Amino acid sequence: MCERPWGLRRSRPIARAIAAALTLTSAGVLPMLPARAEGCAAPTSATQQVELYFGASVKGRPFVTERAWSKFLDTEVTPRLPDGLTVFDAHGQWRSGDGWIYREATRVLLILYKADAASEGKIEALRDAYKKQFHQEDAPLRVDSTVCAAF
């Protein structure tokens, strides 16, 4: 088995993000959430939750810098989702078809929102913007669930 250090890897956001999600979930960092939130107890109600996994590797560059990420949050994320979100810093790994193990820093956005066409469009626009701005092969991984939440 071959292994490359954290800073040296190719860009494969979907595979890396899946690995990161599995690593975080199995490590107990992110809770395993039910696919449906039926029968929410008061004061909670069923709410949509999405996790977006943004890999920090960039084609032709070592990584997405903290400054570039902050600018992305300010110019792309906050205008679309002004009601709030949570950002997690994470690390993930994945095995490519050539047998190499690739590791990278990952940022996870956790967003609770009302399920409607406008919200879906904003979330997909974020994924597209990140892919284009940071030269990703794929859009960031998206994981959806319905949870019980109270605001």
Foldseek 3Di string as FASTA:
>chain_A
DAEDDAQDDDFDQVQFLVQFVVVCPVVVNDDDDDQAAPPFDPPWDKWKKKKWKAWFPFVPDRGQDPVNVVVLCVPQVCVLPVVDWDKDWTKGWGADPVGYIYIYIIIMIMDIHHDDPSNVVSVVVSQVVSCVVRVHPGGTDMDMGIHIDDD
